[in-house]
Amino acid sequence: MTDIREVSVEELRHLVSERALTGETMLLNMGPQHPSTHGVLRLLIELDGEIVVNIIPDIGFLHTGIEKTIETKTYEKSEVMTDRQDYLNPLGNNLVYCLAVEKLAELDVPERAQAIRVILAELTRLNSHLLWLGTSGLDLAAMSVFLYTMREREFIQDIFELVSGQRMMTTYFRPGGLWRDVPEGFEKAVRNFLAIMPRRIKEYDDILRFNEIFVDRTKGIGVISAEDCLAYGLSGPVIRACGIPHDLRKKQPYSGYEQYDFDVAVEEGGDVYARYRVRLKEMTQSLRIIEQALNRLPKGPVRSNNRKYVPPPRAEIGVSMEALIHHFKLWTEGFKPPVGHVYATTESPRGELGCYMESDGSSKPYRVHMVTPSFVNLQALPLMGRGLYIADLVAIIGSIDIVLGDADR
């Protein structure tokens, strides 16, 4: 059983100012159970009245040992663990894991599967940004925006359910392609969503940018410079709001992103309001990418024909004993990629999401490590919050868009 003990200020003296030791400033806990920390996050805040002197993030409350669990399962069975990491980007987590496996095994992915991956990855980005926008508005007393974004989010989750049978944890992407082809009605559902979203995005913007309370609580709040972003290794909307046009879909294209015409959303200012503007622009660009992918969606298979790594089609299992045995062995024993190590990256809704994978030649990964944007971006919270009111922390935490499952793993 874990011992519970009191921690003295002396043990924290290297993290707080000298004034905290004399009692001039106050140390206050915010979280881990607090609605505005967007997850199970504890902040130890040093306050001078209502002014923030220092912030010490304390993470680990959602640590589930995902990486070590992956190492105990075969490559195919491990993928379900990635859905639970950043639970607002489950398909994006699937994608980076599959890219790592495919890079390790030199496994091809059919063009149709690539295009469908892009469509669903961008729908996931929209899904995440809609939840971020709704909850951030709710934090700052704009409740109506939350209701509207949840309305649109239902359309996306209905599409996920249509293709996979699940609204969140789909595990739809598989090494070498997809679990199965999209069903009839997929294209119509996506095009219906594309038809309504531009007007809805403008509606959100009109509500918030003319809301004096929202503007006052976001402009000039939580400012971070481009230099500090680079020094801290930040990524995603946080750095693009500082004028740095870094997006892995452009810089290091994957899944055929180099074929699509879209702009990297960039703003100046580096504050909460700039991060809001970046995400709103990204939603519009995601719609552009999805429409292009739908228009060029080719016919053909959705999974590699490399039988060393991919199970035979279900139609063959009923007529071929060899196919049945092959299917059985792949699911019970798993495939064995060559010895080596790889690193794959994608642009998640929160920033750079990476997967390091090492193989020892067996059917289970020897080592898997996820590089997650929530963990990295959270480091900048003390830099953004010092010298501001404690009430401003609510807006700043929301603007970083952390997911604690992504940080703690």
Protein backbone atom coordinates (compact mmCIF):
# COMPACT_ATOMS: atom_id res chain seq x y z
CA MET A 1 0.00 0.00 0.00
CA THR A 2 1.29 3.47 -0.89
CA ASP A 3 2.23 5.63 2.09
CA ILE A 4 0.44 8.96 2.35
CA ARG A 5 2.55 11.67 3.96
CA GLU A 6 2.59 15.41 4.33
CA VAL A 7 5.06 17.38 2.24
CA SER A 8 6.72 20.37 3.86
CA VAL A 9 7.57 23.65 2.15
CA GLU A 10 11.25 22.80 2.73
CA GLU A 11 10.95 19.93 0.25
CA LEU A 12 9.53 22.33 -2.34
CA ARG A 13 11.87 25.26 -1.72
CA HIS A 14 13.75 24.74 -5.00
CA LEU A 15 10.44 25.18 -6.86
CA VAL A 16 9.05 28.26 -5.10
CA SER A 17 10.29 31.74 -4.23
CA GLU A 18 11.95 32.69 -0.94
CA ARG A 19 8.79 34.59 0.00
CA ALA A 20 6.89 31.30 0.22
CA LEU A 21 9.25 30.13 2.97
CA THR A 22 8.54 33.20 5.10
CA GLY A 23 4.78 33.06 4.58
CA GLU A 24 4.57 36.24 2.48
CA THR A 25 3.05 34.24 -0.37
CA MET A 26 0.55 31.40 -0.19
CA LEU A 27 0.78 27.91 -1.69
CA LEU A 28 -2.56 26.70 -3.03
CA ASN A 29 -3.64 23.43 -4.65
CA MET A 30 -5.70 23.63 -7.84
CA GLY A 31 -6.87 20.11 -8.68
CA PRO A 32 -6.44 17.25 -9.22
CA GLN A 33 -10.25 17.26 -9.03
CA HIS A 34 -11.11 20.61 -10.57
CA PRO A 35 -13.38 21.25 -13.57
CA SER A 36 -11.05 23.83 -15.12
CA THR A 37 -7.92 21.67 -15.22
CA HIS A 38 -9.39 19.67 -18.14
CA GLY A 39 -8.54 16.34 -16.61
CA VAL A 40 -6.89 14.96 -13.51
CA LEU A 41 -4.17 17.61 -13.20
CA ARG A 42 -2.86 19.10 -9.97
CA LEU A 43 -1.30 22.54 -9.96
CA LEU A 44 0.60 23.80 -6.94
CA ILE A 45 0.25 27.56 -7.25
CA GLU A 46 2.21 30.19 -5.36
CA LEU A 47 0.07 33.30 -4.92
CA ASP A 48 0.67 36.87 -3.84
CA GLY A 49 -2.93 37.82 -3.20
CA GLU A 50 -4.59 36.86 -6.49
CA ILE A 51 -1.40 37.23 -8.55
CA VAL A 52 0.35 34.04 -9.66
CA VAL A 53 4.01 33.98 -8.61
CA ASN A 54 4.76 30.42 -9.69
CA ILE A 55 3.02 27.29 -10.98
CA ILE A 56 4.18 23.71 -10.42
CA PRO A 57 2.28 21.17 -12.57
CA ASP A 58 1.95 17.75 -10.91
CA ILE A 59 1.03 15.00 -13.38
CA GLY A 60 0.75 11.22 -13.27
CA PHE A 61 -2.76 10.76 -11.87
CA LEU A 62 -3.87 9.07 -15.12
CA HIS A 63 -0.79 6.91 -15.63
CA THR A 64 -2.03 3.53 -16.91
CA GLY A 65 1.18 1.93 -18.17
CA ILE A 66 0.03 1.88 -21.80
CA GLU A 67 3.54 1.68 -23.26
CA LYS A 68 4.58 -1.30 -21.13
CA THR A 69 1.25 -3.04 -21.78
CA ILE A 70 1.83 -2.69 -25.53
CA GLU A 71 5.13 -4.53 -25.10
CA THR A 72 3.31 -7.56 -23.65
CA LYS A 73 0.98 -8.02 -26.64
CA THR A 74 1.45 -8.77 -30.33
CA TYR A 75 1.71 -5.84 -32.74
CA GLU A 76 -1.89 -6.19 -33.95
CA LYS A 77 -3.44 -6.66 -30.51
CA SER A 78 -1.46 -3.78 -29.00
CA GLU A 79 -3.16 -1.20 -31.16
CA VAL A 80 -6.29 -1.05 -28.98
CA MET A 81 -4.15 0.50 -26.23
CA THR A 82 -3.36 3.54 -28.36
CA ASP A 83 -7.04 4.56 -28.56
CA ARG A 84 -7.01 5.21 -24.81
CA GLN A 85 -3.95 7.46 -24.83
CA ASP A 86 -5.22 10.78 -26.19
CA TYR A 87 -8.91 9.96 -25.96
CA LEU A 88 -9.81 12.97 -28.13
CA ASN A 89 -7.52 11.74 -30.93
CA PRO A 90 -8.04 7.94 -30.97
CA LEU A 91 -7.79 7.57 -34.76
CA GLY A 92 -4.72 9.80 -34.77
CA ASN A 93 -3.11 7.55 -32.15
CA ASN A 94 -3.98 4.50 -34.28
CA LEU A 95 -2.43 6.22 -37.29
CA VAL A 96 0.97 7.00 -35.75
CA TYR A 97 1.18 3.47 -34.32
CA CYS A 98 0.33 1.91 -37.70
CA LEU A 99 2.84 4.17 -39.47
CA ALA A 100 5.55 2.94 -37.10
CA VAL A 101 4.65 -0.73 -37.68
CA GLU A 102 4.50 -0.18 -41.45
CA LYS A 103 7.87 1.57 -41.43
CA LEU A 104 9.39 -1.25 -39.36
CA ALA A 105 7.96 -4.02 -41.56
CA GLU A 106 8.21 -2.08 -44.86
CA LEU A 107 4.50 -2.72 -45.29
CA ASP A 108 2.64 -1.01 -48.14
CA VAL A 109 -0.73 0.77 -47.75
CA PRO A 110 -3.20 0.95 -50.70
CA GLU A 111 -4.11 4.41 -52.03
CA ARG A 112 -7.77 4.07 -51.09
CA ALA A 113 -6.82 3.28 -47.50
CA GLN A 114 -4.47 6.29 -47.44
CA ALA A 115 -7.26 8.63 -48.57
CA ILE A 116 -9.76 7.24 -46.05
CA ARG A 117 -7.14 7.58 -43.30
CA VAL A 118 -6.73 11.27 -44.18
CA ILE A 119 -10.50 11.86 -44.15
CA LEU A 120 -10.95 10.23 -40.75
CA ALA A 121 -7.82 11.83 -39.27
CA GLU A 122 -9.13 15.28 -40.23
CA LEU A 123 -12.60 14.47 -38.90
CA THR A 124 -10.85 13.51 -35.65
CA ARG A 125 -9.05 16.88 -35.65
CA LEU A 126 -12.40 18.63 -36.08
CA ASN A 127 -13.92 16.46 -33.37
CA SER A 128 -11.14 17.42 -30.95
CA HIS A 129 -11.23 21.13 -31.80
CA LEU A 130 -15.01 21.22 -31.39
CA LEU A 131 -14.75 19.80 -27.89
CA TRP A 132 -11.89 22.18 -27.10
CA LEU A 133 -13.87 25.17 -28.35
CA GLY A 134 -17.00 24.20 -26.44
CA THR A 135 -15.26 23.56 -23.12
CA SER A 136 -13.04 26.64 -23.43
CA GLY A 137 -16.12 28.76 -24.04
CA LEU A 138 -17.80 27.13 -21.06
CA ASP A 139 -14.78 27.97 -18.87
CA LEU A 140 -15.20 31.63 -19.81
CA ALA A 141 -19.00 31.82 -19.38
CA ALA A 142 -19.93 31.32 -23.06
CA MET A 143 -22.24 28.37 -22.47
CA SER A 144 -24.16 28.55 -25.75
CA VAL A 145 -21.01 27.74 -27.78
CA PHE A 146 -20.62 24.49 -25.86
CA LEU A 147 -24.13 23.41 -26.82
CA TYR A 148 -23.56 24.26 -30.49
CA THR A 149 -20.19 22.47 -30.77
CA MET A 150 -21.61 19.34 -29.13
CA ARG A 151 -24.39 19.41 -31.73
CA GLU A 152 -21.87 19.29 -34.60
CA ARG A 153 -19.66 16.77 -32.81
CA GLU A 154 -22.53 14.29 -32.92
CA PHE A 155 -22.36 14.29 -36.74
CA ILE A 156 -18.69 13.26 -36.61
CA GLN A 157 -19.21 10.56 -34.02
CA ASP A 158 -22.08 9.17 -36.07
CA ILE A 159 -19.66 8.85 -39.01
CA PHE A 160 -17.14 7.02 -36.79
CA GLU A 161 -19.89 4.66 -35.66
CA LEU A 162 -20.92 4.12 -39.28
CA VAL A 163 -17.45 2.94 -40.35
CA SER A 164 -16.31 1.09 -37.23
CA GLY A 165 -19.26 0.38 -34.95
CA GLN A 166 -17.73 2.61 -32.24
CA ARG A 167 -18.12 6.32 -31.58
CA MET A 168 -14.75 6.87 -29.88
CA MET A 169 -12.34 3.94 -29.50
CA THR A 170 -12.57 2.67 -33.07
CA THR A 171 -9.23 0.87 -33.70
CA TYR A 172 -10.27 1.25 -37.35
CA PHE A 173 -6.81 1.80 -38.83
CA ARG A 174 -4.73 -1.37 -39.00
CA PRO A 175 -1.13 -2.05 -40.05
CA GLY A 176 -1.25 -2.17 -43.84
CA GLY A 177 -4.52 -0.25 -44.22
CA LEU A 178 -7.96 -0.37 -42.60
CA TRP A 179 -10.07 -2.90 -40.71
CA ARG A 180 -12.57 -2.94 -43.59
CA ASP A 181 -13.81 -0.66 -46.36
CA VAL A 182 -16.18 2.19 -45.53
CA PRO A 183 -19.86 1.23 -45.89
CA GLU A 184 -22.39 2.59 -48.33
CA GLY A 185 -23.57 5.96 -47.10
CA PHE A 186 -20.14 7.07 -45.83
CA GLU A 187 -19.51 9.60 -48.59
CA LYS A 188 -23.02 11.05 -48.32
CA ALA A 189 -22.70 11.44 -44.53
CA VAL A 190 -19.34 13.20 -44.84
CA ARG A 191 -20.55 15.52 -47.62
CA ASN A 192 -23.62 16.45 -45.56
CA PHE A 193 -21.28 17.38 -42.72
CA LEU A 194 -19.06 19.41 -45.07
CA ALA A 195 -22.12 21.30 -46.28
CA ILE A 196 -23.15 22.58 -42.84
CA MET A 197 -19.79 23.17 -41.13
CA PRO A 198 -18.51 26.39 -42.79
CA ARG A 199 -21.63 28.23 -41.68
CA ARG A 200 -21.40 26.75 -38.18
CA ILE A 201 -17.73 27.73 -37.77
CA LYS A 202 -18.65 31.32 -38.68
CA GLU A 203 -21.45 31.12 -36.13
CA TYR A 204 -19.03 30.15 -33.34
CA ASP A 205 -16.66 32.95 -34.32
CA ASP A 206 -19.43 35.56 -34.41
CA ILE A 207 -20.54 34.55 -30.92
CA LEU A 208 -17.06 34.71 -29.39
CA ARG A 209 -15.16 37.49 -31.15
CA PHE A 210 -17.96 39.96 -30.40
CA ASN A 211 -18.23 38.77 -26.80
CA GLU A 212 -16.44 41.43 -24.73
CA ILE A 213 -15.94 39.13 -21.76
CA PHE A 214 -14.35 36.42 -23.92
CA VAL A 215 -12.07 38.91 -25.70
CA ASP A 216 -11.00 40.64 -22.46
CA ARG A 217 -10.15 37.29 -20.86
CA THR A 218 -8.13 35.98 -23.82
CA LYS A 219 -6.33 38.90 -25.52
CA GLY A 220 -2.92 39.55 -23.99
CA ILE A 221 -3.37 36.61 -21.59
CA GLY A 222 -0.97 33.66 -21.43
CA VAL A 223 1.54 35.18 -23.84
CA ILE A 224 4.56 33.11 -24.90
CA SER A 225 7.19 34.16 -27.43
CA ALA A 226 8.28 32.24 -30.51
CA GLU A 227 11.77 31.95 -29.02
CA ASP A 228 10.43 30.34 -25.85
CA CYS A 229 8.27 27.97 -27.90
CA LEU A 230 11.36 26.71 -29.71
CA ALA A 231 13.41 26.54 -26.51
CA TYR A 232 10.75 24.43 -24.78
CA GLY A 233 10.17 22.21 -27.83
CA LEU A 234 6.47 23.07 -28.08
CA SER A 235 4.36 22.17 -31.11
CA GLY A 236 0.87 22.39 -32.57
CA PRO A 237 -1.50 25.38 -32.34
CA VAL A 238 0.55 26.76 -29.42
CA ILE A 239 3.57 27.53 -31.63
CA ARG A 240 1.54 28.40 -34.72
CA ALA A 241 -0.16 31.09 -32.61
CA CYS A 242 3.32 32.64 -32.22
CA GLY A 243 3.81 32.95 -35.98
CA ILE A 244 5.80 29.72 -36.49
CA PRO A 245 4.29 27.87 -39.51
CA HIS A 246 5.33 24.40 -38.34
CA ASP A 247 2.93 21.61 -39.29
CA LEU A 248 4.16 18.06 -39.91
CA ARG A 249 1.50 17.55 -42.57
CA LYS A 250 3.49 20.10 -44.61
CA LYS A 251 7.02 19.70 -43.22
CA GLN A 252 7.16 15.88 -43.19
CA PRO A 253 4.08 14.67 -45.11
CA TYR A 254 2.68 11.23 -44.34
CA SER A 255 -0.32 9.26 -45.65
CA GLY A 256 -0.25 11.29 -48.87
CA TYR A 257 -0.75 14.74 -47.30
CA GLU A 258 1.62 16.19 -49.90
CA GLN A 259 -1.16 15.68 -52.48
CA TYR A 260 -3.58 18.05 -50.74
CA ASP A 261 -3.83 21.81 -51.05
CA PHE A 262 -4.25 23.48 -47.66
CA ASP A 263 -2.76 26.34 -45.65
CA VAL A 264 -0.98 26.17 -42.31
CA ALA A 265 -3.05 28.22 -39.84
CA VAL A 266 -0.81 30.89 -38.28
CA GLU A 267 -1.46 33.86 -35.98
CA GLU A 268 0.69 36.43 -34.24
CA GLY A 269 0.51 37.37 -30.57
CA GLY A 270 1.13 34.06 -28.81
CA ASP A 271 -1.78 34.61 -26.40
CA VAL A 272 -4.96 32.69 -25.59
CA TYR A 273 -6.90 34.59 -28.27
CA ALA A 274 -4.31 33.77 -30.96
CA ARG A 275 -4.51 30.08 -30.07
CA TYR A 276 -8.30 30.28 -30.41
CA ARG A 277 -7.95 31.87 -33.87
CA VAL A 278 -5.46 29.21 -35.02
CA ARG A 279 -7.76 26.34 -34.09
CA LEU A 280 -10.73 27.99 -35.77
CA LYS A 281 -8.70 28.39 -38.98
CA GLU A 282 -7.51 24.78 -38.73
CA MET A 283 -11.11 23.60 -38.70
CA THR A 284 -11.69 25.34 -42.04
CA GLN A 285 -8.50 23.83 -43.50
CA SER A 286 -9.53 20.36 -42.34
CA LEU A 287 -12.78 20.75 -44.28
CA ARG A 288 -10.73 21.61 -47.39
CA ILE A 289 -8.57 18.50 -47.00
CA ILE A 290 -11.57 16.21 -46.44
CA GLU A 291 -13.35 17.52 -49.54
CA GLN A 292 -10.25 16.98 -51.70
CA ALA A 293 -9.79 13.46 -50.33
CA LEU A 294 -13.42 12.59 -51.07
CA ASN A 295 -13.16 13.95 -54.61
CA ARG A 296 -10.07 11.86 -55.35
CA LEU A 297 -11.10 8.74 -53.42
CA PRO A 298 -9.90 5.87 -55.65
CA LYS A 299 -11.42 2.43 -56.01
CA GLY A 300 -9.50 -0.62 -54.89
CA PRO A 301 -8.45 -2.57 -51.80
CA VAL A 302 -8.16 -1.00 -48.36
CA ARG A 303 -5.49 -3.30 -46.94
CA SER A 304 -2.12 -4.57 -48.10
CA ASN A 305 -1.94 -7.92 -49.85
CA ASN A 306 1.28 -8.80 -47.99
CA ARG A 307 0.14 -12.04 -46.34
CA LYS A 308 3.21 -12.15 -44.14
CA TYR A 309 1.65 -9.38 -42.03
CA VAL A 310 -2.00 -9.13 -43.08
CA PRO A 311 -4.67 -11.83 -42.48
CA PRO A 312 -6.36 -13.29 -45.57
CA PRO A 313 -9.79 -11.90 -46.53
CA ARG A 314 -12.74 -13.43 -44.71
CA ALA A 315 -14.11 -14.74 -48.03
CA GLU A 316 -11.08 -17.04 -48.39
CA ILE A 317 -11.35 -18.52 -44.89
CA GLY A 318 -14.53 -20.46 -45.71
CA VAL A 319 -13.06 -22.14 -48.80
CA SER A 320 -9.36 -22.55 -48.02
CA MET A 321 -7.88 -24.52 -45.12
CA GLU A 322 -4.51 -22.81 -45.71
CA ALA A 323 -6.16 -19.39 -45.37
CA LEU A 324 -7.89 -20.48 -42.15
CA ILE A 325 -4.60 -21.73 -40.64
CA HIS A 326 -2.81 -18.56 -41.75
CA HIS A 327 -5.51 -16.40 -40.16
CA PHE A 328 -5.36 -18.43 -36.94
CA LYS A 329 -1.56 -18.20 -36.67
CA LEU A 330 -1.49 -14.44 -37.34
CA TRP A 331 -4.03 -13.79 -34.60
CA THR A 332 -2.63 -16.20 -32.03
CA GLU A 333 1.12 -15.86 -32.64
CA GLY A 334 1.30 -12.54 -34.48
CA PHE A 335 3.70 -11.48 -37.23
CA LYS A 336 7.43 -10.97 -36.70
CA PRO A 337 8.94 -7.84 -38.25
CA PRO A 338 12.72 -7.66 -38.74
CA VAL A 339 15.05 -6.48 -35.99
CA GLY A 340 15.36 -2.70 -35.97
CA HIS A 341 13.96 0.54 -34.62
CA VAL A 342 11.90 3.33 -36.21
CA TYR A 343 10.30 6.64 -35.32
CA ALA A 344 7.06 7.83 -36.94
CA THR A 345 5.39 11.21 -36.44
CA THR A 346 2.03 12.80 -37.18
CA GLU A 347 0.41 16.17 -36.54
CA SER A 348 -2.20 15.57 -33.86
CA PRO A 349 -4.79 18.22 -32.88
CA ARG A 350 -2.41 19.17 -30.04
CA GLY A 351 0.93 19.05 -31.87
CA GLU A 352 3.66 16.57 -32.77
CA LEU A 353 2.71 13.01 -31.88
CA GLY A 354 5.51 10.48 -32.29
CA CYS A 355 5.91 6.74 -31.87
CA TYR A 356 9.31 5.13 -31.30
CA MET A 357 9.20 1.39 -31.87
CA GLU A 358 11.94 -1.21 -31.51
CA SER A 359 11.76 -4.83 -32.67
CA ASP A 360 13.89 -7.73 -31.48
CA GLY A 361 12.51 -10.01 -34.20
CA SER A 362 9.75 -11.50 -32.03
CA SER A 363 5.98 -11.11 -32.39
CA LYS A 364 5.83 -8.46 -29.64
CA PRO A 365 7.40 -4.99 -29.68
CA TYR A 366 10.60 -4.88 -27.62
CA ARG A 367 10.07 -1.18 -26.84
CA VAL A 368 7.36 1.36 -27.64
CA HIS A 369 7.54 4.97 -26.54
CA MET A 370 5.06 7.70 -27.41
CA VAL A 371 6.20 11.32 -27.70
CA THR A 372 3.07 13.27 -26.86
CA PRO A 373 2.30 16.99 -27.30
CA SER A 374 0.25 17.34 -24.11
CA PHE A 375 3.25 16.34 -21.97
CA VAL A 376 5.61 18.74 -23.75
CA ASN A 377 3.23 21.70 -24.07
CA LEU A 378 2.23 21.52 -20.40
CA GLN A 379 5.80 22.50 -19.46
CA ALA A 380 5.13 26.01 -20.73
CA LEU A 381 2.22 26.64 -18.33
CA PRO A 382 4.39 28.33 -15.63
CA LEU A 383 5.88 30.60 -18.29
CA MET A 384 2.44 31.63 -19.56
CA GLY A 385 0.82 32.13 -16.15
CA ARG A 386 3.32 34.05 -14.01
CA GLY A 387 2.28 37.57 -13.08
CA LEU A 388 -1.38 37.07 -14.03
CA TYR A 389 -4.50 36.57 -11.92
CA ILE A 390 -5.38 33.07 -10.77
CA ALA A 391 -8.65 33.42 -12.73
CA ASP A 392 -6.57 33.74 -15.93
CA LEU A 393 -5.16 30.24 -15.41
CA VAL A 394 -8.53 28.81 -16.41
CA ALA A 395 -8.23 30.36 -19.88
CA ILE A 396 -4.54 29.47 -20.22
CA ILE A 397 -4.95 25.79 -19.33
CA GLY A 398 -7.80 25.51 -21.82
CA SER A 399 -5.80 27.23 -24.57
CA ILE A 400 -2.95 24.70 -24.32
CA ASP A 401 -5.56 21.97 -24.92
CA ILE A 402 -4.01 19.25 -22.79
CA VAL A 403 -5.35 15.72 -22.51
CA LEU A 404 -4.01 14.10 -19.36
CA GLY A 405 -4.21 10.58 -20.80
CA ASP A 406 -1.86 11.89 -23.49
CA ALA A 407 0.52 13.35 -20.89
CA ASP A 408 0.49 10.51 -18.35
CA ARG A 409 0.03 7.42 -20.57
